[in-house]
């Protein structure tokens, strides 16, 4: 496992981070013991960054992650959680809710501090409020020693870049935008670096689209995009390979990103993902898959208050 510094912070993070949303059973049932086994296997494999949120499973993911980490030396892992989003359409970026949310997360996670707290899906809030109220509230909690670093997450890269330019932001988490079919994050990494903002890449499997199983019914991608992803999965299978393996191997090479977050709900998935990184990428197969996906390159979707539908959980 390789490690990198996250932006200008003092956080040294593993190249692969544990996305804890599946612990909330948001992609299918995950029982308590499977959740604990997944977290402990990740720690044994050298994964040290765990990313979670109150929204995932209506706080279930946070509570399970906290129980899984009980008794583990606190300095052996890093905890990143979020504030601002609590349901499919339940957003509250007020300073009062930020403080209460952090306090609740500390309790659920069984810790006295959080290494990173991020404003969750900021496109569903007001940019002015995020800059003038939400982030300052988190800085206040940082001054109290409850929070070490402060970040933002979301889908629209121009908005993330705008907020990072307006005020100090330690980290930005972008999802589904450095994948086999979408490279738009690469055009923004210099901007974030100039802002002093570290980059976290997330959802290398494009919320399930870049897997043999395929995208879930709620996936916001177009029919053409999802059909091309399915064709790429067929291509990989015919070559005796797996699209998800290629997708993860590709995404961890995201320029300017310190780590890549992938949703994980079992010890088997952890071992499989770590094993994928240990293998050399098949450059010939990559070229064929890129050609298959070329017609939908950088094709995304809208997300936010004007998009007409809520954002989805990532993996």
C-alpha atoms as a PDB file:
ATOM      1  CA  UNK A   1       0.000   0.000   0.000  1.00  0.00           C
ATOM      2  CA  UNK A   2       1.362   3.401  -0.979  1.00  0.00           C
ATOM      3  CA  UNK A   3       0.764   6.566   1.057  1.00  0.00           C
ATOM      4  CA  UNK A   4       0.597  10.234   0.124  1.00  0.00           C
ATOM      5  CA  UNK A   5       0.133  13.546   1.894  1.00  0.00           C
ATOM      6  CA  UNK A   6      -3.385  14.925   1.469  1.00  0.00           C
ATOM      7  CA  UNK A   7      -2.859  18.439   0.120  1.00  0.00           C
ATOM      8  CA  UNK A   8      -1.250  20.766   2.634  1.00  0.00           C
ATOM      9  CA  UNK A   9      -2.633  18.888   5.622  1.00  0.00           C
ATOM     10  CA  UNK A  10      -0.627  16.662   7.948  1.00  0.00           C
ATOM     11  CA  UNK A  11      -2.719  13.653   6.910  1.00  0.00           C
ATOM     12  CA  UNK A  12      -0.733  10.855   5.275  1.00  0.00           C
ATOM     13  CA  UNK A  13      -3.356   8.707   3.569  1.00  0.00           C
ATOM     14  CA  UNK A  14      -3.344   5.296   1.920  1.00  0.00           C
ATOM     15  CA  UNK A  15      -3.819   5.372  -1.857  1.00  0.00           C
ATOM     16  CA  UNK A  16      -6.985   3.326  -1.374  1.00  0.00           C
ATOM     17  CA  UNK A  17      -9.521   4.612   1.153  1.00  0.00           C
ATOM     18  CA  UNK A  18     -12.417   2.703   2.707  1.00  0.00           C
ATOM     19  CA  UNK A  19     -15.805   4.073   1.661  1.00  0.00           C
ATOM     20  CA  UNK A  20     -18.115   3.099   4.499  1.00  0.00           C
ATOM     21  CA  UNK A  21     -21.496   3.783   2.883  1.00  0.00           C
ATOM     22  CA  UNK A  22     -22.124   0.030   2.313  1.00  0.00           C
ATOM     23  CA  UNK A  23     -21.917  -0.495   6.084  1.00  0.00           C
ATOM     24  CA  UNK A  24     -25.262   1.297   6.189  1.00  0.00           C
ATOM     25  CA  UNK A  25     -26.718  -1.362   3.858  1.00  0.00           C
ATOM     26  CA  UNK A  26     -27.344   1.247   1.164  1.00  0.00           C
ATOM     27  CA  UNK A  27     -26.334  -1.141  -1.656  1.00  0.00           C
ATOM     28  CA  UNK A  28     -27.740  -4.299  -0.071  1.00  0.00           C
ATOM     29  CA  UNK A  29     -27.892  -5.915   3.336  1.00  0.00           C
ATOM     30  CA  UNK A  30     -24.615  -6.002   5.300  1.00  0.00           C
ATOM     31  CA  UNK A  31     -24.708  -7.581   8.738  1.00  0.00           C
ATOM     32  CA  UNK A  32     -22.791  -6.391  11.771  1.00  0.00           C
ATOM     33  CA  UNK A  33     -20.094  -9.047  11.705  1.00  0.00           C
ATOM     34  CA  UNK A  34     -19.431  -8.540   7.995  1.00  0.00           C
ATOM     35  CA  UNK A  35     -19.015  -4.834   8.649  1.00  0.00           C
ATOM     36  CA  UNK A  36     -16.538  -5.449  11.462  1.00  0.00           C
ATOM     37  CA  UNK A  37     -14.601  -7.980   9.389  1.00  0.00           C
ATOM     38  CA  UNK A  38     -14.392  -5.567   6.455  1.00  0.00           C
ATOM     39  CA  UNK A  39     -12.992  -2.758   8.601  1.00  0.00           C
ATOM     40  CA  UNK A  40     -10.471  -4.971  10.387  1.00  0.00           C
ATOM     41  CA  UNK A  41      -9.323  -6.518   7.086  1.00  0.00           C
ATOM     42  CA  UNK A  42      -8.828  -3.022   5.666  1.00  0.00           C
ATOM     43  CA  UNK A  43      -6.686  -2.033   8.632  1.00  0.00           C
ATOM     44  CA  UNK A  44      -4.605  -5.193   8.256  1.00  0.00           C
ATOM     45  CA  UNK A  45      -4.107  -4.366   4.555  1.00  0.00           C
ATOM     46  CA  UNK A  46      -2.750  -0.917   5.374  1.00  0.00           C
ATOM     47  CA  UNK A  47      -5.836   1.143   4.534  1.00  0.00           C
ATOM     48  CA  UNK A  48      -5.881   3.999   7.021  1.00  0.00           C
ATOM     49  CA  UNK A  49      -8.569   6.416   5.783  1.00  0.00           C
ATOM     50  CA  UNK A  50     -12.234   5.650   6.470  1.00  0.00           C
ATOM     51  CA  UNK A  51     -14.829   7.913   4.835  1.00  0.00           C
ATOM     52  CA  UNK A  52     -18.393   7.929   6.149  1.00  0.00           C
ATOM     53  CA  UNK A  53     -21.385  10.243   6.660  1.00  0.00           C
ATOM     54  CA  UNK A  54     -24.528  10.462   8.824  1.00  0.00           C
ATOM     55  CA  UNK A  55     -26.553  10.152   5.604  1.00  0.00           C
ATOM     56  CA  UNK A  56     -25.355   6.623   4.864  1.00  0.00           C
ATOM     57  CA  UNK A  57     -28.000   4.269   6.177  1.00  0.00           C
ATOM     58  CA  UNK A  58     -29.524   7.002   8.349  1.00  0.00           C
ATOM     59  CA  UNK A  59     -26.476   6.984  10.698  1.00  0.00           C
ATOM     60  CA  UNK A  60     -26.108   3.176  10.599  1.00  0.00           C
ATOM     61  CA  UNK A  61     -22.807   3.322   8.712  1.00  0.00           C
ATOM     62  CA  UNK A  62     -21.252   5.674  11.258  1.00  0.00           C
ATOM     63  CA  UNK A  63     -22.450   3.592  14.193  1.00  0.00           C
ATOM     64  CA  UNK A  64     -21.147   0.356  12.680  1.00  0.00           C
ATOM     65  CA  UNK A  65     -17.832   1.892  11.757  1.00  0.00           C
ATOM     66  CA  UNK A  66     -17.456   3.139  15.307  1.00  0.00           C
ATOM     67  CA  UNK A  67     -18.147  -0.314  16.734  1.00  0.00           C
ATOM     68  CA  UNK A  68     -15.759  -1.920  14.241  1.00  0.00           C
ATOM     69  CA  UNK A  69     -12.975   0.445  15.297  1.00  0.00           C
ATOM     70  CA  UNK A  70     -13.578   0.002  19.022  1.00  0.00           C
ATOM     71  CA  UNK A  71     -10.348  -0.982  20.736  1.00  0.00           C
ATOM     72  CA  UNK A  72      -8.168  -0.080  17.741  1.00  0.00           C
ATOM     73  CA  UNK A  73      -5.386   2.421  18.465  1.00  0.00           C
ATOM     74  CA  UNK A  74      -6.756   5.823  17.453  1.00  0.00           C
ATOM     75  CA  UNK A  75      -3.494   6.936  15.887  1.00  0.00           C
ATOM     76  CA  UNK A  76      -3.548   3.976  13.469  1.00  0.00           C
ATOM     77  CA  UNK A  77      -6.407   5.289  11.314  1.00  0.00           C
ATOM     78  CA  UNK A  78      -7.985   8.493  10.030  1.00  0.00           C
ATOM     79  CA  UNK A  79     -11.703   9.281  10.215  1.00  0.00           C
ATOM     80  CA  UNK A  80     -13.469  11.457   7.652  1.00  0.00           C
ATOM     81  CA  UNK A  81     -17.169  12.173   8.002  1.00  0.00           C
ATOM     82  CA  UNK A  82     -19.569  14.826   6.760  1.00  0.00           C
ATOM     83  CA  UNK A  83     -22.143  17.419   7.752  1.00  0.00           C
ATOM     84  CA  UNK A  84     -25.071  19.006   5.943  1.00  0.00           C
ATOM     85  CA  UNK A  85     -26.859  16.014   4.413  1.00  0.00           C
ATOM     86  CA  UNK A  86     -29.057  13.702   6.480  1.00  0.00           C
ATOM     87  CA  UNK A  87     -31.571  12.240   4.011  1.00  0.00           C
ATOM     88  CA  UNK A  88     -32.403  12.078   0.310  1.00  0.00           C
ATOM     89  CA  UNK A  89     -33.848  15.577   0.508  1.00  0.00           C
ATOM     90  CA  UNK A  90     -32.792  16.582   4.026  1.00  0.00           C
ATOM     91  CA  UNK A  91     -30.063  19.230   3.893  1.00  0.00           C
ATOM     92  CA  UNK A  92     -29.123  21.619   6.692  1.00  0.00           C
ATOM     93  CA  UNK A  93     -25.895  23.605   6.424  1.00  0.00           C
ATOM     94  CA  UNK A  94     -26.632  25.899   9.365  1.00  0.00           C
ATOM     95  CA  UNK A  95     -23.975  26.512  12.005  1.00  0.00           C
ATOM     96  CA  UNK A  96     -26.253  25.140  14.719  1.00  0.00           C
ATOM     97  CA  UNK A  97     -26.804  21.863  12.831  1.00  0.00           C
ATOM     98  CA  UNK A  98     -23.089  21.591  12.020  1.00  0.00           C
ATOM     99  CA  UNK A  99     -22.173  21.656  15.691  1.00  0.00           C
ATOM    100  CA  UNK A 100     -24.864  19.144  16.623  1.00  0.00           C
ATOM    101  CA  UNK A 101     -23.926  16.891  13.717  1.00  0.00           C
ATOM    102  CA  UNK A 102     -20.246  16.778  14.683  1.00  0.00           C
ATOM    103  CA  UNK A 103     -21.140  16.035  18.297  1.00  0.00           C
ATOM    104  CA  UNK A 104     -23.423  13.190  17.212  1.00  0.00           C
ATOM    105  CA  UNK A 105     -20.789  11.774  14.848  1.00  0.00           C
ATOM    106  CA  UNK A 106     -18.168  11.818  17.588  1.00  0.00           C
ATOM    107  CA  UNK A 107     -20.493   9.748  19.755  1.00  0.00           C
ATOM    108  CA  UNK A 108     -21.401   7.258  17.039  1.00  0.00           C
ATOM    109  CA  UNK A 109     -17.781   6.843  15.969  1.00  0.00           C
ATOM    110  CA  UNK A 110     -16.552   6.504  19.545  1.00  0.00           C
ATOM    111  CA  UNK A 111     -13.815   9.115  19.277  1.00  0.00           C
ATOM    112  CA  UNK A 112     -12.875  12.485  20.745  1.00  0.00           C
ATOM    113  CA  UNK A 113     -11.850  14.034  17.426  1.00  0.00           C
ATOM    114  CA  UNK A 114     -12.428  13.744  13.691  1.00  0.00           C
ATOM    115  CA  UNK A 115      -9.518  13.977  11.275  1.00  0.00           C
ATOM    116  CA  UNK A 116     -11.610  15.467   8.478  1.00  0.00           C
ATOM    117  CA  UNK A 117     -15.144  16.836   8.372  1.00  0.00           C
ATOM    118  CA  UNK A 118     -16.602  17.676   4.969  1.00  0.00           C
ATOM    119  CA  UNK A 119     -19.651  19.651   3.892  1.00  0.00           C
ATOM    120  CA  UNK A 120     -21.692  16.979   2.111  1.00  0.00           C
ATOM    121  CA  UNK A 121     -22.941  17.565  -1.460  1.00  0.00           C
ATOM    122  CA  UNK A 122     -22.644  21.333  -1.358  1.00  0.00           C
ATOM    123  CA  UNK A 123     -24.571  21.754  -4.620  1.00  0.00           C
ATOM    124  CA  UNK A 124     -27.717  21.240  -2.535  1.00  0.00           C
ATOM    125  CA  UNK A 125     -26.929  24.268  -0.403  1.00  0.00           C
ATOM    126  CA  UNK A 126     -26.209  27.935  -1.003  1.00  0.00           C
ATOM    127  CA  UNK A 127     -22.570  28.638  -1.924  1.00  0.00           C
ATOM    128  CA  UNK A 128     -22.707  31.853   0.092  1.00  0.00           C
ATOM    129  CA  UNK A 129     -23.972  30.007   3.147  1.00  0.00           C
ATOM    130  CA  UNK A 130     -21.329  27.294   2.762  1.00  0.00           C
ATOM    131  CA  UNK A 131     -18.602  29.958   2.645  1.00  0.00           C
ATOM    132  CA  UNK A 132     -19.996  32.359   5.217  1.00  0.00           C
ATOM    133  CA  UNK A 133     -21.617  30.036   7.773  1.00  0.00           C
ATOM    134  CA  UNK A 134     -20.966  26.310   7.354  1.00  0.00           C
ATOM    135  CA  UNK A 135     -17.206  26.333   6.872  1.00  0.00           C
ATOM    136  CA  UNK A 136     -16.629  28.971   9.600  1.00  0.00           C
ATOM    137  CA  UNK A 137     -18.667  26.803  11.992  1.00  0.00           C
ATOM    138  CA  UNK A 138     -16.357  23.881  11.244  1.00  0.00           C
ATOM    139  CA  UNK A 139     -13.315  26.123  11.728  1.00  0.00           C
ATOM    140  CA  UNK A 140     -14.677  26.969  15.151  1.00  0.00           C
ATOM    141  CA  UNK A 141     -14.849  23.268  15.986  1.00  0.00           C
ATOM    142  CA  UNK A 142     -11.315  22.960  14.651  1.00  0.00           C
ATOM    143  CA  UNK A 143     -10.214  25.637  17.112  1.00  0.00           C
ATOM    144  CA  UNK A 144     -11.776  23.543  19.886  1.00  0.00           C
ATOM    145  CA  UNK A 145      -9.766  20.470  18.846  1.00  0.00           C
ATOM    146  CA  UNK A 146     -12.796  18.421  17.780  1.00  0.00           C
ATOM    147  CA  UNK A 147     -11.995  18.633  14.070  1.00  0.00           C
ATOM    148  CA  UNK A 148      -8.508  18.539  12.534  1.00  0.00           C
ATOM    149  CA  UNK A 149      -9.268  19.494   8.929  1.00  0.00           C
ATOM    150  CA  UNK A 150     -12.204  20.849   6.933  1.00  0.00           C
ATOM    151  CA  UNK A 151     -13.348  19.980   3.420  1.00  0.00           C
ATOM    152  CA  UNK A 152     -16.178  19.948   0.902  1.00  0.00           C
ATOM    153  CA  UNK A 153     -17.723  17.271  -1.313  1.00  0.00           C
ATOM    154  CA  UNK A 154     -19.986  17.328  -4.327  1.00  0.00           C
ATOM    155  CA  UNK A 155     -20.425  16.601  -8.013  1.00  0.00           C
ATOM    156  CA  UNK A 156     -20.220  19.898  -9.973  1.00  0.00           C
ATOM    157  CA  UNK A 157     -16.495  20.642 -10.282  1.00  0.00           C
ATOM    158  CA  UNK A 158     -16.978  24.353 -11.111  1.00  0.00           C
ATOM    159  CA  UNK A 159     -18.842  24.808  -7.823  1.00  0.00           C
ATOM    160  CA  UNK A 160     -16.192  22.951  -5.832  1.00  0.00           C
ATOM    161  CA  UNK A 161     -13.528  25.064  -7.502  1.00  0.00           C
ATOM    162  CA  UNK A 162     -15.477  28.268  -6.832  1.00  0.00           C
ATOM    163  CA  UNK A 163     -15.833  27.574  -3.105  1.00  0.00           C
ATOM    164  CA  UNK A 164     -12.188  26.506  -2.777  1.00  0.00           C
ATOM    165  CA  UNK A 165     -11.145  29.785  -4.389  1.00  0.00           C
ATOM    166  CA  UNK A 166     -13.369  31.930  -2.173  1.00  0.00           C
ATOM    167  CA  UNK A 167     -12.238  30.539   1.158  1.00  0.00           C
ATOM    168  CA  UNK A 168      -9.692  28.207   2.690  1.00  0.00           C
ATOM    169  CA  UNK A 169     -10.707  24.592   2.145  1.00  0.00           C
ATOM    170  CA  UNK A 170      -8.334  21.816   3.226  1.00  0.00           C
ATOM    171  CA  UNK A 171      -9.773  19.086   1.001  1.00  0.00           C
ATOM    172  CA  UNK A 172     -12.236  18.491  -1.790  1.00  0.00           C
ATOM    173  CA  UNK A 173     -13.862  15.134  -2.552  1.00  0.00           C
ATOM    174  CA  UNK A 174     -14.985  14.673  -6.157  1.00  0.00           C
ATOM    175  CA  UNK A 175     -16.851  11.565  -7.244  1.00  0.00           C
ATOM    176  CA  UNK A 176     -17.349   9.802 -10.584  1.00  0.00           C
ATOM    177  CA  UNK A 177     -15.078  12.255 -12.382  1.00  0.00           C
ATOM    178  CA  UNK A 178     -11.850  10.368 -12.713  1.00  0.00           C
ATOM    179  CA  UNK A 179     -13.027   7.072 -14.100  1.00  0.00           C
ATOM    180  CA  UNK A 180     -12.652   5.086 -17.294  1.00  0.00           C
ATOM    181  CA  UNK A 181     -15.381   7.171 -18.907  1.00  0.00           C
ATOM    182  CA  UNK A 182     -14.959  10.574 -17.229  1.00  0.00           C
ATOM    183  CA  UNK A 183     -11.630  12.410 -16.752  1.00  0.00           C
ATOM    184  CA  UNK A 184     -12.871  15.909 -15.949  1.00  0.00           C
ATOM    185  CA  UNK A 185     -11.274  15.996 -12.500  1.00  0.00           C
ATOM    186  CA  UNK A 186      -7.837  16.070 -14.137  1.00  0.00           C
ATOM    187  CA  UNK A 187      -8.551  19.540 -15.548  1.00  0.00           C
ATOM    188  CA  UNK A 188      -9.172  20.894 -12.042  1.00  0.00           C
ATOM    189  CA  UNK A 189      -6.299  19.477 -10.007  1.00  0.00           C
ATOM    190  CA  UNK A 190      -3.971  22.414 -10.744  1.00  0.00           C
ATOM    191  CA  UNK A 191      -6.726  24.802  -9.641  1.00  0.00           C
ATOM    192  CA  UNK A 192      -7.199  22.970  -6.363  1.00  0.00           C
ATOM    193  CA  UNK A 193      -3.437  22.802  -5.815  1.00  0.00           C
ATOM    194  CA  UNK A 194      -3.213  26.570  -6.323  1.00  0.00           C
ATOM    195  CA  UNK A 195      -5.950  26.967  -3.706  1.00  0.00           C
ATOM    196  CA  UNK A 196      -3.972  24.787  -1.281  1.00  0.00           C
ATOM    197  CA  UNK A 197      -6.724  22.180  -1.376  1.00  0.00           C
ATOM    198  CA  UNK A 198      -6.014  18.435  -1.302  1.00  0.00           C
ATOM    199  CA  UNK A 199      -7.997  16.194  -3.646  1.00  0.00           C
ATOM    200  CA  UNK A 200      -9.837  12.988  -2.779  1.00  0.00           C
ATOM    201  CA  UNK A 201     -11.050  10.949  -5.754  1.00  0.00           C
ATOM    202  CA  UNK A 202     -14.157   8.848  -5.113  1.00  0.00           C
ATOM    203  CA  UNK A 203     -16.438   6.354  -6.836  1.00  0.00           C
ATOM    204  CA  UNK A 204     -13.949   4.761  -9.264  1.00  0.00           C
ATOM    205  CA  UNK A 205     -16.624   2.248 -10.284  1.00  0.00           C
ATOM    206  CA  UNK A 206     -18.962   5.099 -11.284  1.00  0.00           C
ATOM    207  CA  UNK A 207     -21.618   4.122  -8.736  1.00  0.00           C
ATOM    208  CA  UNK A 208     -21.742   0.577 -10.074  1.00  0.00           C
ATOM    209  CA  UNK A 209     -21.806   1.397 -13.798  1.00  0.00           C
ATOM    210  CA  UNK A 210     -18.256   0.106 -14.288  1.00  0.00           C
ATOM    211  CA  UNK A 211     -18.965  -3.372 -12.944  1.00  0.00           C
ATOM    212  CA  UNK A 212     -20.236  -6.663 -14.331  1.00  0.00           C
ATOM    213  CA  UNK A 213     -23.404  -6.273 -12.262  1.00  0.00           C
ATOM    214  CA  UNK A 214     -24.064  -2.874 -13.783  1.00  0.00           C
ATOM    215  CA  UNK A 215     -25.644   0.326 -12.548  1.00  0.00           C
ATOM    216  CA  UNK A 216     -28.505   0.339 -10.030  1.00  0.00           C
ATOM    217  CA  UNK A 217     -31.901   1.566 -11.154  1.00  0.00           C
ATOM    218  CA  UNK A 218     -31.414   4.996  -9.578  1.00  0.00           C
ATOM    219  CA  UNK A 219     -28.200   5.725 -11.474  1.00  0.00           C
ATOM    220  CA  UNK A 220     -28.390   9.226 -13.042  1.00  0.00           C
ATOM    221  CA  UNK A 221     -26.312   8.345 -16.120  1.00  0.00           C
ATOM    222  CA  UNK A 222     -27.898   8.401 -19.564  1.00  0.00           C
ATOM    223  CA  UNK A 223     -29.065   5.232 -21.272  1.00  0.00           C
ATOM    224  CA  UNK A 224     -26.231   5.606 -23.801  1.00  0.00           C
ATOM    225  CA  UNK A 225     -23.619   5.925 -21.060  1.00  0.00           C
ATOM    226  CA  UNK A 226     -24.872   2.888 -19.169  1.00  0.00           C
ATOM    227  CA  UNK A 227     -25.121   0.840 -22.373  1.00  0.00           C
ATOM    228  CA  UNK A 228     -21.511   1.665 -23.223  1.00  0.00           C
ATOM    229  CA  UNK A 229     -20.403   0.684 -19.713  1.00  0.00           C
ATOM    230  CA  UNK A 230     -22.243  -2.637 -20.077  1.00  0.00           C
ATOM    231  CA  UNK A 231     -20.515  -3.208 -23.428  1.00  0.00           C
ATOM    232  CA  UNK A 232     -17.155  -2.518 -21.768  1.00  0.00           C
ATOM    233  CA  UNK A 233     -17.981  -5.100 -19.104  1.00  0.00           C
ATOM    234  CA  UNK A 234     -18.753  -7.640 -21.844  1.00  0.00           C
ATOM    235  CA  UNK A 235     -15.475  -6.804 -23.565  1.00  0.00           C
ATOM    236  CA  UNK A 236     -13.481  -7.375 -20.362  1.00  0.00           C
ATOM    237  CA  UNK A 237     -15.282 -10.615 -19.605  1.00  0.00           C
ATOM    238  CA  UNK A 238     -14.553 -11.919 -23.119  1.00  0.00           C
ATOM    239  CA  UNK A 239     -10.885 -11.128 -22.497  1.00  0.00           C
ATOM    240  CA  UNK A 240     -10.934 -13.140 -19.265  1.00  0.00           C
ATOM    241  CA  UNK A 241     -10.763 -10.005 -17.142  1.00  0.00           C
ATOM    242  CA  UNK A 242     -13.071  -7.806 -15.111  1.00  0.00           C
ATOM    243  CA  UNK A 243     -14.174  -4.226 -15.763  1.00  0.00           C
ATOM    244  CA  UNK A 244     -14.165  -3.304 -12.072  1.00  0.00           C
ATOM    245  CA  UNK A 245     -10.519  -4.372 -11.785  1.00  0.00           C
ATOM    246  CA  UNK A 246      -9.519  -2.191 -14.722  1.00  0.00           C
ATOM    247  CA  UNK A 247     -11.638   0.705 -13.428  1.00  0.00           C
ATOM    248  CA  UNK A 248     -10.030   0.695  -9.996  1.00  0.00           C
ATOM    249  CA  UNK A 249      -6.514   0.308 -11.376  1.00  0.00           C
ATOM    250  CA  UNK A 250      -7.128   3.259 -13.676  1.00  0.00           C
ATOM    251  CA  UNK A 251      -8.730   5.573 -11.119  1.00  0.00           C
ATOM    252  CA  UNK A 252      -6.015   5.272  -8.486  1.00  0.00           C
ATOM    253  CA  UNK A 253      -3.730   6.929 -11.037  1.00  0.00           C
ATOM    254  CA  UNK A 254      -5.821  10.134 -10.928  1.00  0.00           C
ATOM    255  CA  UNK A 255      -3.361  13.041 -11.287  1.00  0.00           C
ATOM    256  CA  UNK A 256      -3.202  15.266  -8.235  1.00  0.00           C
ATOM    257  CA  UNK A 257      -5.410  13.031  -6.061  1.00  0.00           C
ATOM    258  CA  UNK A 258      -3.921  11.687  -2.848  1.00  0.00           C
ATOM    259  CA  UNK A 259      -6.348   8.803  -2.414  1.00  0.00           C
ATOM    260  CA  UNK A 260      -9.296   7.051  -4.051  1.00  0.00           C
ATOM    261  CA  UNK A 261     -12.365   6.114  -2.013  1.00  0.00           C
ATOM    262  CA  UNK A 262     -14.200   2.921  -2.937  1.00  0.00           C
ATOM    263  CA  UNK A 263     -17.311   1.676  -1.149  1.00  0.00           C
ATOM    264  CA  UNK A 264     -16.615  -1.580   0.663  1.00  0.00           C
ATOM    265  CA  UNK A 265     -18.959  -3.837   2.594  1.00  0.00           C
ATOM    266  CA  UNK A 266     -17.089  -7.106   3.155  1.00  0.00           C
ATOM    267  CA  UNK A 267     -13.651  -8.476   3.928  1.00  0.00           C
ATOM    268  CA  UNK A 268     -13.704 -10.259   0.575  1.00  0.00           C
ATOM    269  CA  UNK A 269     -14.194  -6.949  -1.245  1.00  0.00           C
ATOM    270  CA  UNK A 270     -11.299  -5.407   0.668  1.00  0.00           C
ATOM    271  CA  UNK A 271      -8.967  -8.246  -0.241  1.00  0.00           C
ATOM    272  CA  UNK A 272     -10.116  -8.153  -3.856  1.00  0.00           C
ATOM    273  CA  UNK A 273      -9.552  -4.385  -4.167  1.00  0.00           C
ATOM    274  CA  UNK A 274      -6.124  -4.519  -2.551  1.00  0.00           C
ATOM    275  CA  UNK A 275      -5.224  -7.406  -4.834  1.00  0.00           C
ATOM    276  CA  UNK A 276      -6.310  -5.399  -7.868  1.00  0.00           C
ATOM    277  CA  UNK A 277      -3.837  -2.675  -6.996  1.00  0.00           C
ATOM    278  CA  UNK A 278      -1.038  -5.205  -6.731  1.00  0.00           C
ATOM    279  CA  UNK A 279      -1.561  -6.285 -10.350  1.00  0.00           C
ATOM    280  CA  UNK A 280      -0.165  -4.437 -13.346  1.00  0.00           C
ATOM    281  CA  UNK A 281      -2.814  -2.772 -15.454  1.00  0.00           C
ATOM    282  CA  UNK A 282      -3.482  -4.432 -18.802  1.00  0.00           C
ATOM    283  CA  UNK A 283      -2.634  -1.552 -21.142  1.00  0.00           C
ATOM    284  CA  UNK A 284      -3.916  -3.346 -24.246  1.00  0.00           C
ATOM    285  CA  UNK A 285      -7.281  -4.069 -22.636  1.00  0.00           C
ATOM    286  CA  UNK A 286      -7.388  -0.510 -21.296  1.00  0.00           C
ATOM    287  CA  UNK A 287      -7.000   0.851 -24.823  1.00  0.00           C
ATOM    288  CA  UNK A 288      -9.851  -1.343 -26.068  1.00  0.00           C
ATOM    289  CA  UNK A 289     -12.132  -0.285 -23.221  1.00  0.00           C
ATOM    290  CA  UNK A 290     -11.272   3.368 -23.781  1.00  0.00           C
ATOM    291  CA  UNK A 291     -12.243   2.988 -27.443  1.00  0.00           C
ATOM    292  CA  UNK A 292     -15.539   1.403 -26.392  1.00  0.00           C
ATOM    293  CA  UNK A 293     -16.277   4.287 -24.024  1.00  0.00           C
ATOM    294  CA  UNK A 294     -15.009   7.063 -26.292  1.00  0.00           C
ATOM    295  CA  UNK A 295     -18.512   8.085 -27.523  1.00  0.00           C
ATOM    296  CA  UNK A 296     -19.536   8.884 -23.916  1.00  0.00           C
ATOM    297  CA  UNK A 297     -16.221  10.317 -22.695  1.00  0.00           C
ATOM    298  CA  UNK A 298     -16.760  12.963 -20.020  1.00  0.00           C
ATOM    299  CA  UNK A 299     -20.523  12.575 -20.290  1.00  0.00           C
ATOM    300  CA  UNK A 300     -21.937  13.212 -16.842  1.00  0.00           C
ATOM    301  CA  UNK A 301     -25.209  14.423 -15.379  1.00  0.00           C
ATOM    302  CA  UNK A 302     -26.601  17.309 -13.392  1.00  0.00           C
ATOM    303  CA  UNK A 303     -26.701  17.317  -9.610  1.00  0.00           C
ATOM    304  CA  UNK A 304     -27.950  19.946  -7.222  1.00  0.00           C
ATOM    305  CA  UNK A 305     -30.861  22.124  -6.360  1.00  0.00           C
ATOM    306  CA  UNK A 306     -31.714  22.708 -10.031  1.00  0.00           C
ATOM    307  CA  UNK A 307     -31.177  19.114 -11.146  1.00  0.00           C
ATOM    308  CA  UNK A 308     -34.647  17.871 -10.284  1.00  0.00           C
ATOM    309  CA  UNK A 309     -33.443  14.795  -8.415  1.00  0.00           C
ATOM    310  CA  UNK A 310     -31.390  14.117  -5.317  1.00  0.00           C
ATOM    311  CA  UNK A 311     -27.758  13.028  -5.517  1.00  0.00           C
ATOM    312  CA  UNK A 312     -27.079   9.373  -4.854  1.00  0.00           C
ATOM    313  CA  UNK A 313     -24.789   7.432  -2.561  1.00  0.00           C
ATOM    314  CA  UNK A 314     -21.419   6.771  -4.174  1.00  0.00           C
ATOM    315  CA  UNK A 315     -19.158   3.763  -4.376  1.00  0.00           C
END
